[in-house]
């Protein structure tokens, strides 16, 4: 079974609750992926993630929260996202931000 699972976020308050819960001592690692429905690179990445992790229901797996600019535009301001795809990884070492596509693939997909 894969070590990550996909969670699509469709409302602003969902990501706020997730981040608040994480700050209170939640998961070991979470990923937040900012995408656009009109960006071919974002859609290609989401398709690959769906093939890799789409069927994973394991709650112990690290979540990849997927947000898009249509459903959650204000969430993009939290991390000053102005380029997509944009990945944020939050773990015990802190916050890691990446918008370089090959590095995003390296972080999210098993090679």
PDB file of N, CA and C in Angstrom:
ATOM      1  N   UNK A   1       0.851  -1.186   0.000  1.00  0.00           N
ATOM      2  CA  UNK A   1       0.000   0.000   0.000  1.00  0.00           C
ATOM      3  C   UNK A   1       0.887   1.235   0.000  1.00  0.00           C
ATOM      4  N   UNK A   2       0.470   2.262  -0.679  1.00  0.00           N
ATOM      5  CA  UNK A   2       1.274   3.476  -0.779  1.00  0.00           C
ATOM      6  C   UNK A   2       1.263   4.251   0.539  1.00  0.00           C
ATOM      7  N   UNK A   3       2.222   5.136   0.687  1.00  0.00           N
ATOM      8  CA  UNK A   3       2.390   5.871   1.929  1.00  0.00           C
ATOM      9  C   UNK A   3       1.724   7.240   1.918  1.00  0.00           C
ATOM     10  N   UNK A   4       0.984   7.561   0.861  1.00  0.00           N
ATOM     11  CA  UNK A   4       0.279   8.836   0.768  1.00  0.00           C
ATOM     12  C   UNK A   4      -1.157   8.588   0.313  1.00  0.00           C
ATOM     13  N   UNK A   5      -2.027   9.531   0.652  1.00  0.00           N
ATOM     14  CA  UNK A   5      -3.411   9.453   0.196  1.00  0.00           C
ATOM     15  C   UNK A   5      -3.863  10.834  -0.241  1.00  0.00           C
ATOM     16  N   UNK A   6      -4.796  10.864  -1.179  1.00  0.00           N
ATOM     17  CA  UNK A   6      -5.280  12.128  -1.729  1.00  0.00           C
ATOM     18  C   UNK A   6      -6.550  12.578  -1.024  1.00  0.00           C
ATOM     19  N   UNK A   7      -6.608  13.886  -0.747  1.00  0.00           N
ATOM     20  CA  UNK A   7      -7.799  14.491  -0.158  1.00  0.00           C
ATOM     21  C   UNK A   7      -8.056  15.785  -0.927  1.00  0.00           C
ATOM     22  N   UNK A   8      -9.173  15.828  -1.637  1.00  0.00           N
ATOM     23  CA  UNK A   8      -9.528  17.032  -2.390  1.00  0.00           C
ATOM     24  C   UNK A   8     -10.268  17.998  -1.469  1.00  0.00           C
ATOM     25  N   UNK A   9      -9.796  19.224  -1.407  1.00  0.00           N
ATOM     26  CA  UNK A   9     -10.387  20.265  -0.569  1.00  0.00           C
ATOM     27  C   UNK A   9     -11.219  21.169  -1.467  1.00  0.00           C
ATOM     28  N   UNK A  10     -12.476  21.377  -1.088  1.00  0.00           N
ATOM     29  CA  UNK A  10     -13.366  22.181  -1.926  1.00  0.00           C
ATOM     30  C   UNK A  10     -13.885  23.432  -1.224  1.00  0.00           C
ATOM     31  N   UNK A  11     -13.557  23.591   0.073  1.00  0.00           N
ATOM     32  CA  UNK A  11     -14.035  24.759   0.814  1.00  0.00           C
ATOM     33  C   UNK A  11     -12.885  25.356   1.614  1.00  0.00           C
ATOM     34  N   UNK A  12     -12.902  26.668   1.712  1.00  0.00           N
ATOM     35  CA  UNK A  12     -11.845  27.393   2.409  1.00  0.00           C
ATOM     36  C   UNK A  12     -11.690  26.945   3.863  1.00  0.00           C
ATOM     37  N   UNK A  13     -12.798  26.751   4.543  1.00  0.00           N
ATOM     38  CA  UNK A  13     -12.699  26.418   5.962  1.00  0.00           C
ATOM     39  C   UNK A  13     -12.121  25.029   6.205  1.00  0.00           C
ATOM     40  N   UNK A  14     -12.168  24.142   5.219  1.00  0.00           N
ATOM     41  CA  UNK A  14     -11.590  22.808   5.386  1.00  0.00           C
ATOM     42  C   UNK A  14     -10.081  22.883   5.581  1.00  0.00           C
ATOM     43  N   UNK A  15      -9.394  23.659   4.754  1.00  0.00           N
ATOM     44  CA  UNK A  15      -7.942  23.751   4.886  1.00  0.00           C
ATOM     45  C   UNK A  15      -7.562  24.495   6.158  1.00  0.00           C
ATOM     46  N   UNK A  16      -8.359  25.475   6.558  1.00  0.00           N
ATOM     47  CA  UNK A  16      -8.085  26.180   7.814  1.00  0.00           C
ATOM     48  C   UNK A  16      -8.183  25.232   9.004  1.00  0.00           C
ATOM     49  N   UNK A  17      -9.191  24.366   9.008  1.00  0.00           N
ATOM     50  CA  UNK A  17      -9.339  23.388  10.088  1.00  0.00           C
ATOM     51  C   UNK A  17      -8.177  22.399  10.102  1.00  0.00           C
ATOM     52  N   UNK A  18      -7.744  21.971   8.920  1.00  0.00           N
ATOM     53  CA  UNK A  18      -6.640  21.017   8.827  1.00  0.00           C
ATOM     54  C   UNK A  18      -5.357  21.624   9.387  1.00  0.00           C
ATOM     55  N   UNK A  19      -5.063  22.856   8.994  1.00  0.00           N
ATOM     56  CA  UNK A  19      -3.853  23.513   9.466  1.00  0.00           C
ATOM     57  C   UNK A  19      -3.904  23.765  10.968  1.00  0.00           C
ATOM     58  N   UNK A  20      -5.065  24.134  11.470  1.00  0.00           N
ATOM     59  CA  UNK A  20      -5.228  24.360  12.915  1.00  0.00           C
ATOM     60  C   UNK A  20      -5.029  23.054  13.683  1.00  0.00           C
ATOM     61  N   UNK A  21      -5.596  21.972  13.185  1.00  0.00           N
ATOM     62  CA  UNK A  21      -5.452  20.661  13.815  1.00  0.00           C
ATOM     63  C   UNK A  21      -3.991  20.203  13.793  1.00  0.00           C
ATOM     64  N   UNK A  22      -3.316  20.459  12.676  1.00  0.00           N
ATOM     65  CA  UNK A  22      -1.904  20.067  12.564  1.00  0.00           C
ATOM     66  C   UNK A  22      -1.052  20.808  13.594  1.00  0.00           C
ATOM     67  N   UNK A  23      -1.309  22.085  13.773  1.00  0.00           N
ATOM     68  CA  UNK A  23      -0.547  22.885  14.740  1.00  0.00           C
ATOM     69  C   UNK A  23      -0.722  22.379  16.162  1.00  0.00           C
ATOM     70  N   UNK A  24      -1.829  21.724  16.442  1.00  0.00           N
ATOM     71  CA  UNK A  24      -2.089  21.205  17.786  1.00  0.00           C
ATOM     72  C   UNK A  24      -1.440  19.846  18.013  1.00  0.00           C
ATOM     73  N   UNK A  25      -0.554  19.440  17.121  1.00  0.00           N
ATOM     74  CA  UNK A  25       0.153  18.174  17.331  1.00  0.00           C
ATOM     75  C   UNK A  25      -0.416  17.031  16.537  1.00  0.00           C
ATOM     76  N   UNK A  26      -0.743  17.308  15.336  1.00  0.00           N
ATOM     77  CA  UNK A  26      -1.356  16.306  14.477  1.00  0.00           C
ATOM     78  C   UNK A  26      -0.360  15.375  13.817  1.00  0.00           C
ATOM     79  N   UNK A  27      -0.494  15.239  12.561  1.00  0.00           N
ATOM     80  CA  UNK A  27       0.240  14.276  11.744  1.00  0.00           C
ATOM     81  C   UNK A  27       1.731  14.561  11.698  1.00  0.00           C
ATOM     82  N   UNK A  28       2.469  13.575  11.231  1.00  0.00           N
ATOM     83  CA  UNK A  28       3.911  13.748  11.075  1.00  0.00           C
ATOM     84  C   UNK A  28       4.241  14.614   9.860  1.00  0.00           C
ATOM     85  N   UNK A  29       3.567  14.388   8.748  1.00  0.00           N
ATOM     86  CA  UNK A  29       3.815  15.161   7.527  1.00  0.00           C
ATOM     87  C   UNK A  29       2.500  15.341   6.771  1.00  0.00           C
ATOM     88  N   UNK A  30       2.293  16.556   6.285  1.00  0.00           N
ATOM     89  CA  UNK A  30       1.164  16.797   5.387  1.00  0.00           C
ATOM     90  C   UNK A  30       1.679  17.551   4.170  1.00  0.00           C
ATOM     91  N   UNK A  31       0.993  17.363   3.061  1.00  0.00           N
ATOM     92  CA  UNK A  31       1.316  18.035   1.811  1.00  0.00           C
ATOM     93  C   UNK A  31       0.089  18.811   1.378  1.00  0.00           C
ATOM     94  N   UNK A  32       0.307  20.026   0.908  1.00  0.00           N
ATOM     95  CA  UNK A  32      -0.763  20.840   0.351  1.00  0.00           C
ATOM     96  C   UNK A  32      -0.342  21.184  -1.068  1.00  0.00           C
ATOM     97  N   UNK A  33      -1.170  20.788  -2.024  1.00  0.00           N
ATOM     98  CA  UNK A  33      -0.850  21.012  -3.427  1.00  0.00           C
ATOM     99  C   UNK A  33      -1.854  22.000  -4.009  1.00  0.00           C
ATOM    100  N   UNK A  34      -1.350  23.148  -4.431  1.00  0.00           N
ATOM    101  CA  UNK A  34      -2.171  24.179  -5.049  1.00  0.00           C
ATOM    102  C   UNK A  34      -2.137  23.981  -6.560  1.00  0.00           C
ATOM    103  N   UNK A  35      -3.316  23.927  -7.175  1.00  0.00           N
ATOM    104  CA  UNK A  35      -3.413  23.664  -8.607  1.00  0.00           C
ATOM    105  C   UNK A  35      -4.434  24.596  -9.253  1.00  0.00           C
ATOM    106  N   UNK A  36      -4.494  24.524 -10.562  1.00  0.00           N
ATOM    107  CA  UNK A  36      -5.506  25.244 -11.322  1.00  0.00           C
ATOM    108  C   UNK A  36      -6.132  24.269 -12.311  1.00  0.00           C
ATOM    109  N   UNK A  37      -7.433  24.370 -12.473  1.00  0.00           N
ATOM    110  CA  UNK A  37      -8.141  23.508 -13.422  1.00  0.00           C
ATOM    111  C   UNK A  37      -7.812  23.863 -14.871  1.00  0.00           C
ATOM    112  N   UNK A  38      -7.208  25.026 -15.090  1.00  0.00           N
ATOM    113  CA  UNK A  38      -6.891  25.479 -16.439  1.00  0.00           C
ATOM    114  C   UNK A  38      -5.412  25.314 -16.787  1.00  0.00           C
ATOM    115  N   UNK A  39      -4.646  24.773 -15.883  1.00  0.00           N
ATOM    116  CA  UNK A  39      -3.215  24.602 -16.103  1.00  0.00           C
ATOM    117  C   UNK A  39      -2.914  23.156 -16.477  1.00  0.00           C
ATOM    118  N   UNK A  40      -2.343  22.941 -17.653  1.00  0.00           N
ATOM    119  CA  UNK A  40      -2.108  21.572 -18.113  1.00  0.00           C
ATOM    120  C   UNK A  40      -1.116  20.834 -17.219  1.00  0.00           C
ATOM    121  N   UNK A  41      -0.141  21.530 -16.638  1.00  0.00           N
ATOM    122  CA  UNK A  41       0.843  20.870 -15.773  1.00  0.00           C
ATOM    123  C   UNK A  41       0.187  20.424 -14.464  1.00  0.00           C
ATOM    124  N   UNK A  42      -0.695  21.248 -13.939  1.00  0.00           N
ATOM    125  CA  UNK A  42      -1.429  20.883 -12.728  1.00  0.00           C
ATOM    126  C   UNK A  42      -2.307  19.663 -12.970  1.00  0.00           C
ATOM    127  N   UNK A  43      -3.014  19.671 -14.089  1.00  0.00           N
ATOM    128  CA  UNK A  43      -3.915  18.562 -14.378  1.00  0.00           C
ATOM    129  C   UNK A  43      -3.144  17.267 -14.634  1.00  0.00           C
ATOM    130  N   UNK A  44      -2.015  17.359 -15.286  1.00  0.00           N
ATOM    131  CA  UNK A  44      -1.175  16.186 -15.512  1.00  0.00           C
ATOM    132  C   UNK A  44      -0.670  15.615 -14.188  1.00  0.00           C
ATOM    133  N   UNK A  45      -0.246  16.484 -13.296  1.00  0.00           N
ATOM    134  CA  UNK A  45       0.217  16.053 -11.976  1.00  0.00           C
ATOM    135  C   UNK A  45      -0.901  15.383 -11.191  1.00  0.00           C
ATOM    136  N   UNK A  46      -2.086  15.969 -11.199  1.00  0.00           N
ATOM    137  CA  UNK A  46      -3.223  15.382 -10.480  1.00  0.00           C
ATOM    138  C   UNK A  46      -3.561  14.010 -11.061  1.00  0.00           C
ATOM    139  N   UNK A  47      -3.538  13.869 -12.370  1.00  0.00           N
ATOM    140  CA  UNK A  47      -3.820  12.568 -12.996  1.00  0.00           C
ATOM    141  C   UNK A  47      -2.812  11.519 -12.547  1.00  0.00           C
ATOM    142  N   UNK A  48      -1.545  11.882 -12.490  1.00  0.00           N
ATOM    143  CA  UNK A  48      -0.522  10.935 -12.038  1.00  0.00           C
ATOM    144  C   UNK A  48      -0.695  10.592 -10.568  1.00  0.00           C
ATOM    145  N   UNK A  49      -1.040  11.571  -9.758  1.00  0.00           N
ATOM    146  CA  UNK A  49      -1.292  11.303  -8.337  1.00  0.00           C
ATOM    147  C   UNK A  49      -2.495  10.385  -8.150  1.00  0.00           C
ATOM    148  N   UNK A  50      -3.541  10.606  -8.946  1.00  0.00           N
ATOM    149  CA  UNK A  50      -4.734   9.746  -8.879  1.00  0.00           C
ATOM    150  C   UNK A  50      -4.379   8.302  -9.228  1.00  0.00           C
ATOM    151  N   UNK A  51      -3.551   8.102 -10.249  1.00  0.00           N
ATOM    152  CA  UNK A  51      -3.136   6.746 -10.607  1.00  0.00           C
ATOM    153  C   UNK A  51      -2.305   6.101  -9.496  1.00  0.00           C
ATOM    154  N   UNK A  52      -1.446   6.887  -8.865  1.00  0.00           N
ATOM    155  CA  UNK A  52      -0.536   6.359  -7.843  1.00  0.00           C
ATOM    156  C   UNK A  52      -1.232   6.130  -6.502  1.00  0.00           C
ATOM    157  N   UNK A  53      -2.023   7.104  -6.048  1.00  0.00           N
ATOM    158  CA  UNK A  53      -2.570   7.070  -4.686  1.00  0.00           C
ATOM    159  C   UNK A  53      -4.097   7.113  -4.620  1.00  0.00           C
ATOM    160  N   UNK A  54      -4.775   7.155  -5.743  1.00  0.00           N
ATOM    161  CA  UNK A  54      -6.218   7.365  -5.774  1.00  0.00           C
ATOM    162  C   UNK A  54      -7.052   6.403  -4.961  1.00  0.00           C
ATOM    163  N   UNK A  55      -6.660   5.156  -4.872  1.00  0.00           N
ATOM    164  CA  UNK A  55      -7.460   4.184  -4.145  1.00  0.00           C
ATOM    165  C   UNK A  55      -7.068   3.999  -2.695  1.00  0.00           C
ATOM    166  N   UNK A  56      -6.088   4.751  -2.224  1.00  0.00           N
ATOM    167  CA  UNK A  56      -5.600   4.572  -0.861  1.00  0.00           C
ATOM    168  C   UNK A  56      -6.553   5.206   0.148  1.00  0.00           C
ATOM    169  N   UNK A  57      -7.100   4.392   1.028  1.00  0.00           N
ATOM    170  CA  UNK A  57      -8.004   4.872   2.078  1.00  0.00           C
ATOM    171  C   UNK A  57      -7.352   4.775   3.463  1.00  0.00           C
ATOM    172  N   UNK A  58      -6.071   4.456   3.507  1.00  0.00           N
ATOM    173  CA  UNK A  58      -5.336   4.278   4.755  1.00  0.00           C
ATOM    174  C   UNK A  58      -5.200   5.618   5.481  1.00  0.00           C
ATOM    175  N   UNK A  59      -5.832   5.755   6.638  1.00  0.00           N
ATOM    176  CA  UNK A  59      -5.802   7.010   7.381  1.00  0.00           C
ATOM    177  C   UNK A  59      -4.445   7.282   8.003  1.00  0.00           C
ATOM    178  N   UNK A  60      -3.569   6.272   8.076  1.00  0.00           N
ATOM    179  CA  UNK A  60      -2.221   6.476   8.597  1.00  0.00           C
ATOM    180  C   UNK A  60      -1.274   7.018   7.534  1.00  0.00           C
ATOM    181  N   UNK A  61      -1.686   7.001   6.284  1.00  0.00           N
ATOM    182  CA  UNK A  61      -0.854   7.510   5.194  1.00  0.00           C
ATOM    183  C   UNK A  61      -0.821   9.035   5.249  1.00  0.00           C
ATOM    184  N   UNK A  62       0.301   9.614   4.829  1.00  0.00           N
ATOM    185  CA  UNK A  62       0.427  11.070   4.797  1.00  0.00           C
ATOM    186  C   UNK A  62      -0.533  11.636   3.759  1.00  0.00           C
ATOM    187  N   UNK A  63      -1.369  12.597   4.154  1.00  0.00           N
ATOM    188  CA  UNK A  63      -2.331  13.151   3.194  1.00  0.00           C
ATOM    189  C   UNK A  63      -1.686  14.158   2.247  1.00  0.00           C
ATOM    190  N   UNK A  64      -2.164  14.150   1.027  1.00  0.00           N
ATOM    191  CA  UNK A  64      -1.845  15.192   0.055  1.00  0.00           C
ATOM    192  C   UNK A  64      -3.159  15.945  -0.159  1.00  0.00           C
ATOM    193  N   UNK A  65      -3.248  17.148   0.383  1.00  0.00           N
ATOM    194  CA  UNK A  65      -4.447  17.952   0.237  1.00  0.00           C
ATOM    195  C   UNK A  65      -4.338  18.721  -1.073  1.00  0.00           C
ATOM    196  N   UNK A  66      -5.314  18.516  -1.952  1.00  0.00           N
ATOM    197  CA  UNK A  66      -5.300  19.148  -3.270  1.00  0.00           C
ATOM    198  C   UNK A  66      -6.344  20.258  -3.296  1.00  0.00           C
ATOM    199  N   UNK A  67      -5.880  21.463  -3.575  1.00  0.00           N
ATOM    200  CA  UNK A  67      -6.747  22.625  -3.678  1.00  0.00           C
ATOM    201  C   UNK A  67      -6.656  23.162  -5.092  1.00  0.00           C
ATOM    202  N   UNK A  68      -7.764  23.717  -5.585  1.00  0.00           N
ATOM    203  CA  UNK A  68      -7.690  24.369  -6.891  1.00  0.00           C
ATOM    204  C   UNK A  68      -8.151  25.815  -6.764  1.00  0.00           C
ATOM    205  N   UNK A  69      -7.707  26.625  -7.697  1.00  0.00           N
ATOM    206  CA  UNK A  69      -7.942  28.066  -7.622  1.00  0.00           C
ATOM    207  C   UNK A  69      -9.405  28.457  -7.814  1.00  0.00           C
ATOM    208  N   UNK A  70     -10.207  27.587  -8.384  1.00  0.00           N
ATOM    209  CA  UNK A  70     -11.622  27.889  -8.570  1.00  0.00           C
ATOM    210  C   UNK A  70     -12.406  27.727  -7.264  1.00  0.00           C
ATOM    211  N   UNK A  71     -12.190  26.615  -6.570  1.00  0.00           N
ATOM    212  CA  UNK A  71     -12.948  26.327  -5.350  1.00  0.00           C
ATOM    213  C   UNK A  71     -12.414  27.044  -4.114  1.00  0.00           C
ATOM    214  N   UNK A  72     -11.112  27.257  -4.052  1.00  0.00           N
ATOM    215  CA  UNK A  72     -10.514  27.805  -2.831  1.00  0.00           C
ATOM    216  C   UNK A  72      -9.534  28.948  -3.137  1.00  0.00           C
ATOM    217  N   UNK A  73     -10.005  30.018  -3.752  1.00  0.00           N
ATOM    218  CA  UNK A  73      -9.075  31.084  -4.166  1.00  0.00           C
ATOM    219  C   UNK A  73      -8.375  31.791  -2.999  1.00  0.00           C
ATOM    220  N   UNK A  74      -9.050  31.965  -1.879  1.00  0.00           N
ATOM    221  CA  UNK A  74      -8.446  32.679  -0.755  1.00  0.00           C
ATOM    222  C   UNK A  74      -7.378  31.856  -0.041  1.00  0.00           C
ATOM    223  N   UNK A  75      -7.446  30.546  -0.158  1.00  0.00           N
ATOM    224  CA  UNK A  75      -6.426  29.690   0.451  1.00  0.00           C
ATOM    225  C   UNK A  75      -5.063  29.903  -0.192  1.00  0.00           C
ATOM    226  N   UNK A  76      -5.052  30.347  -1.419  1.00  0.00           N
ATOM    227  CA  UNK A  76      -3.783  30.582  -2.107  1.00  0.00           C
ATOM    228  C   UNK A  76      -3.003  31.721  -1.445  1.00  0.00           C
ATOM    229  N   UNK A  77      -3.706  32.617  -0.770  1.00  0.00           N
ATOM    230  CA  UNK A  77      -3.044  33.737  -0.098  1.00  0.00           C
ATOM    231  C   UNK A  77      -2.321  33.299   1.170  1.00  0.00           C
ATOM    232  N   UNK A  78      -2.746  32.215   1.785  1.00  0.00           N
ATOM    233  CA  UNK A  78      -2.123  31.752   3.025  1.00  0.00           C
ATOM    234  C   UNK A  78      -0.623  31.547   2.829  1.00  0.00           C
ATOM    235  N   UNK A  79      -0.256  30.928   1.713  1.00  0.00           N
ATOM    236  CA  UNK A  79       1.146  30.630   1.442  1.00  0.00           C
ATOM    237  C   UNK A  79       1.707  31.470   0.294  1.00  0.00           C
ATOM    238  N   UNK A  80       1.038  32.574  -0.020  1.00  0.00           N
ATOM    239  CA  UNK A  80       1.479  33.489  -1.075  1.00  0.00           C
ATOM    240  C   UNK A  80       1.719  32.763  -2.399  1.00  0.00           C
ATOM    241  N   UNK A  81       0.778  31.913  -2.750  1.00  0.00           N
ATOM    242  CA  UNK A  81       0.875  31.140  -3.984  1.00  0.00           C
ATOM    243  C   UNK A  81       0.433  31.987  -5.170  1.00  0.00           C
ATOM    244  N   UNK A  82       1.332  32.146  -6.139  1.00  0.00           N
ATOM    245  CA  UNK A  82       0.969  32.868  -7.353  1.00  0.00           C
ATOM    246  C   UNK A  82       1.381  32.093  -8.598  1.00  0.00           C
ATOM    247  N   UNK A  83       1.920  30.900  -8.410  1.00  0.00           N
ATOM    248  CA  UNK A  83       2.328  30.042  -9.519  1.00  0.00           C
ATOM    249  C   UNK A  83       1.862  28.626  -9.207  1.00  0.00           C
ATOM    250  N   UNK A  84       1.299  27.953 -10.190  1.00  0.00           N
ATOM    251  CA  UNK A  84       0.832  26.581  -9.984  1.00  0.00           C
ATOM    252  C   UNK A  84       1.501  25.653 -10.982  1.00  0.00           C
ATOM    253  N   UNK A  85       1.650  24.392 -10.643  1.00  0.00           N
ATOM    254  CA  UNK A  85       1.391  23.810  -9.333  1.00  0.00           C
ATOM    255  C   UNK A  85       2.402  24.285  -8.298  1.00  0.00           C
ATOM    256  N   UNK A  86       1.947  24.334  -7.065  1.00  0.00           N
ATOM    257  CA  UNK A  86       2.766  24.778  -5.934  1.00  0.00           C
ATOM    258  C   UNK A  86       2.513  23.807  -4.782  1.00  0.00           C
ATOM    259  N   UNK A  87       3.578  23.245  -4.232  1.00  0.00           N
ATOM    260  CA  UNK A  87       3.447  22.267  -3.159  1.00  0.00           C
ATOM    261  C   UNK A  87       4.023  22.830  -1.864  1.00  0.00           C
ATOM    262  N   UNK A  88       3.302  22.596  -0.785  1.00  0.00           N
ATOM    263  CA  UNK A  88       3.773  22.920   0.557  1.00  0.00           C
ATOM    264  C   UNK A  88       3.865  21.610   1.319  1.00  0.00           C
ATOM    265  N   UNK A  89       4.989  21.367   1.960  1.00  0.00           N
ATOM    266  CA  UNK A  89       5.128  20.210   2.850  1.00  0.00           C
ATOM    267  C   UNK A  89       5.375  20.756   4.243  1.00  0.00           C
ATOM    268  N   UNK A  90       4.579  20.270   5.193  1.00  0.00           N
ATOM    269  CA  UNK A  90       4.737  20.674   6.582  1.00  0.00           C
ATOM    270  C   UNK A  90       5.063  19.421   7.377  1.00  0.00           C
ATOM    271  N   UNK A  91       6.189  19.453   8.064  1.00  0.00           N
ATOM    272  CA  UNK A  91       6.579  18.318   8.903  1.00  0.00           C
ATOM    273  C   UNK A  91       7.213  18.847  10.179  1.00  0.00           C
ATOM    274  N   UNK A  92       7.800  17.956  10.964  1.00  0.00           N
ATOM    275  CA  UNK A  92       8.363  18.372  12.246  1.00  0.00           C
ATOM    276  C   UNK A  92       9.572  19.295  12.090  1.00  0.00           C
ATOM    277  N   UNK A  93      10.160  19.338  10.898  1.00  0.00           N
ATOM    278  CA  UNK A  93      11.289  20.237  10.638  1.00  0.00           C
ATOM    279  C   UNK A  93      10.849  21.628  10.211  1.00  0.00           C
ATOM    280  N   UNK A  94       9.570  21.782   9.880  1.00  0.00           N
ATOM    281  CA  UNK A  94       9.055  23.081   9.480  1.00  0.00           C
ATOM    282  C   UNK A  94       8.286  23.029   8.184  1.00  0.00           C
ATOM    283  N   UNK A  95       8.296  24.151   7.486  1.00  0.00           N
ATOM    284  CA  UNK A  95       7.532  24.311   6.261  1.00  0.00           C
ATOM    285  C   UNK A  95       8.488  24.350   5.071  1.00  0.00           C
ATOM    286  N   UNK A  96       8.161  23.595   4.039  1.00  0.00           N
ATOM    287  CA  UNK A  96       8.945  23.542   2.806  1.00  0.00           C
ATOM    288  C   UNK A  96       8.024  23.910   1.662  1.00  0.00           C
ATOM    289  N   UNK A  97       8.410  24.890   0.868  1.00  0.00           N
ATOM    290  CA  UNK A  97       7.608  25.369  -0.250  1.00  0.00           C
ATOM    291  C   UNK A  97       8.341  25.088  -1.553  1.00  0.00           C
ATOM    292  N   UNK A  98       7.616  24.573  -2.542  1.00  0.00           N
ATOM    293  CA  UNK A  98       8.239  24.225  -3.820  1.00  0.00           C
ATOM    294  C   UNK A  98       7.291  24.520  -4.973  1.00  0.00           C
ATOM    295  N   UNK A  99       7.793  25.235  -5.992  1.00  0.00           N
ATOM    296  CA  UNK A  99       6.988  25.444  -7.197  1.00  0.00           C
ATOM    297  C   UNK A  99       7.725  24.994  -8.457  1.00  0.00           C
ATOM    298  N   UNK A 100       8.874  24.362  -8.306  1.00  0.00           N
ATOM    299  CA  UNK A 100       9.617  23.816  -9.432  1.00  0.00           C
ATOM    300  C   UNK A 100       9.087  22.410  -9.701  1.00  0.00           C
ATOM    301  N   UNK A 101       8.462  22.220 -10.863  1.00  0.00           N
ATOM    302  CA  UNK A 101       7.713  21.003 -11.169  1.00  0.00           C
ATOM    303  C   UNK A 101       8.494  19.703 -10.971  1.00  0.00           C
ATOM    304  N   UNK A 102       9.732  19.573 -11.442  1.00  0.00           N
ATOM    305  CA  UNK A 102      10.455  18.312 -11.198  1.00  0.00           C
ATOM    306  C   UNK A 102      10.628  17.997  -9.715  1.00  0.00           C
ATOM    307  N   UNK A 103      10.824  19.008  -8.885  1.00  0.00           N
ATOM    308  CA  UNK A 103      10.958  18.785  -7.434  1.00  0.00           C
ATOM    309  C   UNK A 103       9.621  18.371  -6.819  1.00  0.00           C
ATOM    310  N   UNK A 104       8.535  18.908  -7.333  1.00  0.00           N
ATOM    311  CA  UNK A 104       7.213  18.520  -6.839  1.00  0.00           C
ATOM    312  C   UNK A 104       6.984  17.041  -7.130  1.00  0.00           C
ATOM    313  N   UNK A 105       7.295  16.614  -8.349  1.00  0.00           N
ATOM    314  CA  UNK A 105       7.166  15.189  -8.695  1.00  0.00           C
ATOM    315  C   UNK A 105       8.042  14.344  -7.787  1.00  0.00           C
ATOM    316  N   UNK A 106       9.256  14.785  -7.542  1.00  0.00           N
ATOM    317  CA  UNK A 106      10.187  14.052  -6.690  1.00  0.00           C
ATOM    318  C   UNK A 106       9.626  13.882  -5.281  1.00  0.00           C
ATOM    319  N   UNK A 107       8.981  14.916  -4.760  1.00  0.00           N
ATOM    320  CA  UNK A 107       8.426  14.867  -3.412  1.00  0.00           C
ATOM    321  C   UNK A 107       7.145  14.055  -3.304  1.00  0.00           C
ATOM    322  N   UNK A 108       6.316  14.084  -4.327  1.00  0.00           N
ATOM    323  CA  UNK A 108       4.982  13.485  -4.231  1.00  0.00           C
ATOM    324  C   UNK A 108       4.849  12.109  -4.831  1.00  0.00           C
ATOM    325  N   UNK A 109       5.685  11.771  -5.799  1.00  0.00           N
ATOM    326  CA  UNK A 109       5.532  10.501  -6.476  1.00  0.00           C
ATOM    327  C   UNK A 109       6.701   9.577  -6.178  1.00  0.00           C
ATOM    328  N   UNK A 110       6.402   8.318  -6.000  1.00  0.00           N
ATOM    329  CA  UNK A 110       7.437   7.318  -5.794  1.00  0.00           C
ATOM    330  C   UNK A 110       8.131   7.086  -7.120  1.00  0.00           C
ATOM    331  N   UNK A 111       9.437   7.249  -7.112  1.00  0.00           N
ATOM    332  CA  UNK A 111      10.192   7.078  -8.367  1.00  0.00           C
ATOM    333  C   UNK A 111      10.731   5.687  -8.506  1.00  0.00           C
TER     334      UNK A 111
END
